[in-house]
Amino acid sequence: MKTVRYLFILLIFSACNPDGNCLKSAGDDMMQTMETAPFHTIDIPKGVEVEIMQSNEYQVDIYSFKNRIEQITTQVKDSVLTIENLNNCDLIHRQKVAKITIHTPTLHTIKSRTQFRIYSADTLTFPDIFIISSLPENSSSSEFDLIFDNQSISIEDNKVAYFKLSGKTQRFIVSLYGGSPAVDARNLLANEVYFYHRSSNNIHLNPLNFIEGTLASTGHAILYHKAANENISSTYKGKVEYRIP
């Protein structure tokens, strides 16, 4: 009976990864730096944490392990930096296999599939940013912690992403199409805010002059400033609450 059980467990690991990566140790810490062609969009896979740094050069720093780092690849095509995590074991995909620092002077779009954090330590001044999480293909929901000083920010999710945004922007667009994503932008001063909110979680907003949106689920809109112009409708149970200091 023990032999049968051992063989069954061995078959599970073999099916998980024919190359045996499920059973291989991660190895020692390693760091790899790669210069890349110019890009304005980044596509982030599962299993990695990403720091975004505004810089004068296009560069990717990968911090991983000896037996994992070769499975993290980068490619730039049509101005899209695609990072791939080729570790094909489900057990490994649930772990953070790498921390990646992306240096770039230009950025317009962040497409994220990772279940880990995407953050900036310093303020990002890319003029217009679009952030989308929970993509249809092989995707998890991400945690964003980003600081901006720019013209516009647009975010989109339909699962359970968490957006923590701070700084200031002229226009902030929130599109939550389902699930329970959450937005904490109480420290993001936005001149104009537009939102569609079909999440069971709350969104925290700080509109300065104008806000327009629809509450289409049970989540509320928590406002930290009374905008001069407001046009908010509710089609379900969501409500507007004010928490003005």
Protein backbone atom coordinates (compact mmCIF):
# COMPACT_ATOMS: atom_id res chain seq x y z
CA MET A 1 0.00 0.00 0.00
CA LYS A 2 2.87 2.39 0.85
CA THR A 3 4.49 1.63 -2.50
CA VAL A 4 1.28 2.50 -4.35
CA ARG A 5 0.97 5.75 -2.39
CA TYR A 6 4.59 6.68 -3.18
CA LEU A 7 4.09 6.00 -6.88
CA PHE A 8 0.90 8.10 -6.87
CA ILE A 9 2.71 11.08 -5.33
CA LEU A 10 5.57 10.67 -7.78
CA LEU A 11 3.11 10.70 -10.70
CA ILE A 12 1.57 13.95 -9.43
CA PHE A 13 4.96 15.66 -9.38
CA SER A 14 5.87 14.24 -12.77
CA ALA A 15 2.62 15.52 -14.28
CA CYS A 16 3.21 18.89 -12.66
CA ASN A 17 6.55 19.32 -14.41
CA PRO A 18 8.19 16.86 -16.77
CA ASP A 19 11.54 18.65 -16.29
CA GLY A 20 11.52 17.97 -12.56
CA ASN A 21 11.53 21.62 -11.47
CA CYS A 22 8.94 20.85 -8.80
CA LEU A 23 11.51 18.74 -6.99
CA LYS A 24 14.58 20.91 -7.68
CA SER A 25 15.78 23.35 -5.01
CA ALA A 26 15.73 27.05 -5.88
CA GLY A 27 19.48 27.44 -5.36
CA ASP A 28 21.47 30.50 -4.34
CA ASP A 29 20.36 34.10 -4.88
CA MET A 30 21.24 35.51 -8.30
CA MET A 31 20.84 38.83 -10.10
CA GLN A 32 20.82 39.43 -13.85
CA THR A 33 20.71 42.77 -15.69
CA MET A 34 19.54 43.15 -19.28
CA GLU A 35 19.33 46.20 -21.49
CA THR A 36 16.30 46.16 -23.79
CA ALA A 37 14.94 47.86 -26.86
CA PRO A 38 12.58 50.81 -26.22
CA PHE A 39 9.07 49.96 -25.02
CA HIS A 40 5.96 51.72 -23.70
CA THR A 41 3.95 48.69 -22.50
CA ILE A 42 4.86 45.97 -20.01
CA ASP A 43 3.21 42.53 -19.79
CA ILE A 44 3.85 40.92 -16.39
CA PRO A 45 3.41 37.17 -15.75
CA LYS A 46 2.42 35.20 -12.67
CA GLY A 47 4.87 34.58 -9.88
CA VAL A 48 6.90 37.80 -9.90
CA GLU A 49 7.04 41.05 -7.94
CA VAL A 50 7.78 44.18 -9.97
CA GLU A 51 9.25 47.56 -9.12
CA ILE A 52 8.88 50.30 -11.73
CA MET A 53 11.59 52.97 -11.84
CA GLN A 54 11.52 55.99 -14.14
CA SER A 55 14.94 56.23 -15.73
CA ASN A 56 16.88 57.49 -18.75
CA GLU A 57 17.54 53.93 -19.93
CA TYR A 58 15.63 50.78 -20.78
CA GLN A 59 16.80 48.04 -18.46
CA VAL A 60 15.45 45.02 -16.59
CA ASP A 61 17.02 43.71 -13.37
CA ILE A 62 15.98 40.20 -12.35
CA TYR A 63 16.56 39.06 -8.76
CA SER A 64 15.89 35.34 -8.45
CA PHE A 65 17.62 32.03 -7.72
CA LYS A 66 20.22 29.94 -9.54
CA ASN A 67 17.72 27.25 -10.58
CA ARG A 68 14.89 29.67 -11.40
CA ILE A 69 16.45 32.70 -13.10
CA GLU A 70 16.92 31.08 -16.51
CA GLN A 71 13.17 30.48 -16.64
CA ILE A 72 12.47 34.24 -16.50
CA THR A 73 12.76 35.69 -20.01
CA THR A 74 12.17 39.10 -21.57
CA GLN A 75 11.35 40.15 -25.11
CA VAL A 76 10.45 43.48 -26.71
CA LYS A 77 8.21 43.37 -29.76
CA ASP A 78 6.10 46.21 -31.16
CA SER A 79 7.12 48.36 -28.16
CA VAL A 80 5.78 45.78 -25.68
CA LEU A 81 8.11 44.37 -23.04
CA THR A 82 6.85 40.83 -22.38
CA ILE A 83 8.22 39.06 -19.33
CA GLU A 84 7.63 35.31 -19.22
CA ASN A 85 7.83 32.92 -16.29
CA LEU A 86 8.59 29.57 -17.93
CA ASN A 87 8.59 27.63 -14.67
CA ASN A 88 5.82 25.19 -15.58
CA CYS A 89 5.16 23.69 -12.16
CA ASP A 90 1.94 24.82 -10.50
CA LEU A 91 3.60 24.67 -7.08
CA ILE A 92 6.26 27.12 -8.22
CA HIS A 93 3.72 29.41 -9.88
CA ARG A 94 2.13 29.94 -6.46
CA GLN A 95 5.45 31.22 -5.11
CA LYS A 96 7.34 34.43 -5.83
CA VAL A 97 10.15 33.22 -8.07
CA ALA A 98 11.63 36.63 -8.90
CA LYS A 99 11.67 40.30 -8.06
CA ILE A 100 12.02 42.37 -11.22
CA THR A 101 12.99 46.04 -11.44
CA ILE A 102 11.99 47.72 -14.69
CA HIS A 103 13.85 50.91 -15.65
CA THR A 104 12.22 52.95 -18.40
CA PRO A 105 11.88 56.57 -19.61
CA THR A 106 8.51 55.78 -21.25
CA LEU A 107 5.48 53.90 -20.02
CA HIS A 108 1.87 53.94 -21.14
CA THR A 109 0.36 50.54 -20.26
CA ILE A 110 0.82 47.96 -17.50
CA LYS A 111 -0.77 44.55 -18.14
CA SER A 112 -0.46 42.38 -15.06
CA ARG A 113 -1.13 38.69 -14.45
CA THR A 114 0.89 38.36 -11.25
CA GLN A 115 -0.58 37.69 -7.83
CA PHE A 116 2.18 39.74 -6.24
CA ARG A 117 2.96 43.42 -5.79
CA ILE A 118 3.70 46.00 -8.48
CA TYR A 119 5.05 49.16 -6.90
CA SER A 120 7.12 52.32 -7.21
CA ALA A 121 9.38 53.69 -4.50
CA ASP A 122 9.51 57.11 -6.17
CA THR A 123 6.97 59.29 -7.99
CA LEU A 124 6.27 58.34 -11.61
CA THR A 125 5.63 61.18 -14.07
CA PHE A 126 4.68 59.23 -17.20
CA PRO A 127 1.94 61.49 -18.66
CA ASP A 128 -0.80 58.90 -19.29
CA ILE A 129 -1.01 55.46 -17.66
CA PHE A 130 -3.43 52.56 -18.26
CA ILE A 131 -3.29 49.67 -15.77
CA ILE A 132 -5.18 46.41 -16.30
CA SER A 133 -5.15 43.35 -14.05
CA SER A 134 -6.89 39.94 -14.15
CA LEU A 135 -6.39 39.43 -17.87
CA PRO A 136 -8.41 36.60 -19.46
CA GLU A 137 -5.47 34.30 -20.18
CA ASN A 138 -3.60 32.56 -17.32
CA SER A 139 -4.02 35.45 -14.95
CA SER A 140 -4.16 36.29 -11.27
CA SER A 141 -5.14 39.56 -9.62
CA SER A 142 -2.36 41.93 -8.63
CA GLU A 143 -1.63 44.35 -5.80
CA PHE A 144 -0.58 47.81 -7.00
CA ASP A 145 1.17 50.40 -4.85
CA LEU A 146 2.13 53.30 -7.12
CA ILE A 147 2.86 57.02 -6.79
CA PHE A 148 2.05 59.39 -9.67
CA ASP A 149 2.28 63.02 -10.72
CA ASN A 150 0.81 63.08 -14.21
CA GLN A 151 -2.06 63.92 -16.55
CA SER A 152 -4.21 60.78 -16.48
CA ILE A 153 -4.51 57.36 -14.84
CA SER A 154 -6.93 54.65 -15.96
CA ILE A 155 -7.34 51.35 -14.10
CA GLU A 156 -9.37 48.25 -14.98
CA ASP A 157 -10.14 44.95 -13.23
CA ASN A 158 -12.92 42.37 -12.89
CA LYS A 159 -11.60 39.99 -10.20
CA VAL A 160 -9.86 40.85 -6.92
CA ALA A 161 -7.03 43.28 -7.69
CA TYR A 162 -6.06 45.89 -5.10
CA PHE A 163 -5.03 49.38 -6.21
CA LYS A 164 -3.29 51.70 -3.76
CA LEU A 165 -2.51 54.93 -5.60
CA SER A 166 -1.17 58.23 -4.33
CA GLY A 167 0.16 61.53 -5.65
CA LYS A 168 -1.79 63.72 -8.06
CA THR A 169 -3.33 63.55 -11.52
CA GLN A 170 -5.64 65.60 -13.71
CA ARG A 171 -7.93 62.72 -14.71
CA PHE A 172 -8.57 59.43 -12.92
CA ILE A 173 -10.70 56.72 -14.57
CA VAL A 174 -11.80 53.62 -12.62
CA SER A 175 -13.41 50.65 -14.41
CA LEU A 176 -14.35 47.74 -12.14
CA TYR A 177 -16.52 45.30 -14.09
CA GLY A 178 -17.13 42.57 -11.50
CA GLY A 179 -15.67 40.52 -8.68
CA SER A 180 -14.32 42.31 -5.62
CA PRO A 181 -11.44 44.57 -6.62
CA ALA A 182 -10.66 47.43 -4.24
CA VAL A 183 -9.30 50.92 -4.86
CA ASP A 184 -7.62 53.06 -2.22
CA ALA A 185 -6.92 56.38 -3.92
CA ARG A 186 -7.72 58.61 -0.94
CA ASN A 187 -4.20 60.05 -1.26
CA LEU A 188 -4.43 60.56 -5.01
CA LEU A 189 -5.57 64.13 -5.66
CA ALA A 190 -7.54 63.98 -8.91
CA ASN A 191 -8.98 67.03 -10.62
CA GLU A 192 -11.55 64.89 -12.48
CA VAL A 193 -12.76 61.39 -11.58
CA TYR A 194 -14.82 59.04 -13.74
CA PHE A 195 -15.83 55.58 -12.53
CA TYR A 196 -17.90 52.47 -13.19
CA HIS A 197 -18.04 50.47 -9.96
CA ARG A 198 -19.43 46.93 -10.11
CA SER A 199 -17.38 45.52 -7.25
CA SER A 200 -18.43 44.28 -3.83
CA ASN A 201 -15.54 46.24 -2.30
CA ASN A 202 -15.36 49.98 -1.70
CA ILE A 203 -13.46 52.57 -3.71
CA HIS A 204 -11.78 55.48 -1.91
CA LEU A 205 -11.48 58.63 -4.03
CA ASN A 206 -10.31 62.21 -3.63
CA PRO A 207 -11.94 64.28 -6.40
CA LEU A 208 -11.06 67.97 -6.41
CA ASN A 209 -13.40 69.55 -8.98
CA PHE A 210 -15.50 66.94 -10.81
CA ILE A 211 -16.70 63.38 -10.29
CA GLU A 212 -19.03 61.27 -12.42
CA GLY A 213 -19.83 57.60 -12.07
CA THR A 214 -22.13 54.63 -11.58
CA LEU A 215 -22.42 52.37 -8.54
CA ALA A 216 -23.63 49.03 -9.92
CA SER A 217 -23.03 46.61 -7.05
CA THR A 218 -22.80 46.54 -3.26
CA GLY A 219 -19.52 48.44 -3.00
CA HIS A 220 -19.61 52.08 -1.94
CA ALA A 221 -17.76 55.17 -3.14
CA ILE A 222 -15.98 56.81 -0.20
CA LEU A 223 -15.12 60.43 -1.04
CA TYR A 224 -12.48 62.46 0.81
CA HIS A 225 -13.36 65.80 -0.79
CA LYS A 226 -16.62 67.40 -1.88
CA ALA A 227 -16.15 68.12 -5.58
CA ALA A 228 -17.72 71.23 -7.06
CA ASN A 229 -19.57 69.11 -9.64
CA GLU A 230 -20.94 65.64 -8.89
CA ASN A 231 -22.97 63.28 -11.06
CA ILE A 232 -23.17 59.86 -9.40
CA SER A 233 -25.94 57.31 -9.89
CA SER A 234 -26.62 53.99 -8.15
CA THR A 235 -28.32 51.07 -9.88
CA TYR A 236 -28.05 48.66 -6.93
CA LYS A 237 -27.00 48.95 -3.27
CA GLY A 238 -23.85 51.02 -3.54
CA LYS A 239 -23.89 54.44 -1.87
CA VAL A 240 -21.77 57.58 -1.67
CA GLU A 241 -20.15 58.32 1.68
CA TYR A 242 -18.14 61.41 2.60
CA ARG A 243 -15.13 61.31 4.90
CA ILE A 244 -13.86 64.85 4.71
CA PRO A 245 -11.05 65.63 7.20
